[in-house]
Protein backbone atom coordinates (compact mmCIF):
# COMPACT_ATOMS: atom_id res chain seq x y z
CA MET A 1 -9.66 -26.07 -70.59
CA THR A 2 -12.73 -23.84 -70.76
CA ARG A 3 -15.51 -23.75 -68.21
CA ARG A 4 -18.81 -25.16 -69.22
CA LYS A 5 -21.60 -22.57 -69.34
CA ARG A 6 -24.78 -23.07 -67.35
CA SER A 7 -27.74 -24.16 -69.38
CA PRO A 8 -30.20 -21.33 -70.08
CA ARG A 9 -33.00 -23.93 -70.02
CA ARG A 10 -32.60 -24.61 -66.28
CA LEU A 11 -35.52 -23.14 -64.34
CA THR A 12 -36.31 -22.83 -60.64
CA VAL A 13 -39.56 -24.39 -59.38
CA ASN A 14 -41.86 -23.61 -56.47
CA PHE A 15 -41.79 -26.62 -54.11
CA ASP A 16 -45.07 -25.77 -52.36
CA LYS A 17 -47.08 -25.43 -55.59
CA LEU A 18 -45.80 -28.77 -56.90
CA ILE A 19 -46.65 -30.57 -53.68
CA ALA A 20 -50.12 -29.04 -53.64
CA GLU A 21 -50.77 -30.34 -57.18
CA ASP A 22 -49.33 -33.88 -56.96
CA ALA A 23 -50.67 -36.29 -54.31
CA ASP A 24 -47.84 -38.82 -54.76
CA LEU A 25 -45.22 -36.11 -54.32
CA ALA A 26 -47.06 -34.80 -51.24
CA LYS A 27 -46.96 -38.31 -49.75
CA HIS A 28 -43.19 -38.55 -50.31
CA ASP A 29 -42.63 -35.05 -48.92
CA ALA A 30 -44.57 -35.91 -45.75
CA LEU A 31 -42.56 -39.12 -45.28
CA TRP A 32 -39.15 -37.50 -45.76
CA THR A 33 -40.09 -34.52 -43.58
CA ARG A 34 -41.21 -36.90 -40.84
CA LEU A 35 -37.84 -38.69 -41.11
CA GLY A 36 -36.01 -35.41 -40.47
CA TYR A 37 -35.20 -34.28 -44.01
CA ARG A 38 -35.68 -30.68 -45.07
CA ARG A 39 -36.52 -29.39 -48.53
CA ALA A 40 -33.31 -28.34 -50.23
CA GLY A 41 -34.58 -27.23 -53.63
CA GLY A 42 -35.89 -28.14 -57.00
CA LYS A 43 -34.84 -27.62 -60.59
CA LEU A 44 -36.63 -27.99 -63.88
CA PHE A 45 -34.38 -28.83 -66.82
CA GLY A 46 -35.55 -28.29 -70.39
CA ARG A 47 -34.71 -31.03 -72.86
CA ARG A 48 -34.08 -30.81 -76.57
CA ASP A 49 -37.22 -32.77 -77.39
CA GLY A 50 -39.38 -30.07 -75.76
CA THR A 51 -40.17 -31.96 -72.55
CA CYS A 52 -38.74 -31.26 -69.10
CA THR A 53 -37.07 -33.18 -66.28
CA LEU A 54 -37.91 -32.22 -62.71
CA ARG A 55 -35.51 -32.97 -59.84
CA LEU A 56 -36.42 -32.23 -56.21
CA VAL A 57 -33.97 -32.69 -53.31
CA TRP A 58 -34.36 -33.16 -49.53
CA ARG A 59 -31.33 -33.14 -47.18
CA ARG A 60 -30.61 -34.25 -43.64
CA THR A 61 -27.58 -33.92 -41.37
CA VAL A 62 -27.10 -36.15 -38.33
CA GLY A 63 -23.78 -35.54 -36.60
CA ASN A 64 -21.13 -35.64 -39.32
CA VAL A 65 -23.26 -37.68 -41.73
CA LYS A 66 -25.05 -35.83 -44.51
CA THR A 67 -27.65 -37.63 -46.60
CA SER A 68 -29.94 -36.53 -49.40
CA VAL A 69 -32.97 -37.90 -51.20
CA SER A 70 -33.95 -36.90 -54.72
CA TYR A 71 -37.24 -37.28 -56.58
CA THR A 72 -36.99 -37.15 -60.38
CA MET A 73 -39.76 -36.97 -62.97
CA GLN A 74 -38.90 -37.09 -66.69
CA GLY A 75 -40.87 -36.29 -69.82
CA LEU A 76 -43.01 -33.51 -68.33
CA SER A 77 -44.77 -31.03 -70.59
CA LEU A 78 -45.25 -27.45 -69.46
CA SER A 79 -48.64 -25.92 -70.11
């Protein structure tokens, strides 16, 4: 079996710039940060139809329990 290659359309995003631009995302970030989550990263995936999907992740560890929250936006156009 061959390994699947990583998509060349996957891009890294700047968390701080996104939060500064989107009020709804800033509200969610403030809530999850207040609940003890930390920003874990974000990825922008290109789609064949020319739009993008954005996925942001926050993580938290309490004892041996690890939890994560993701925020996904689909159909974004880069300009």
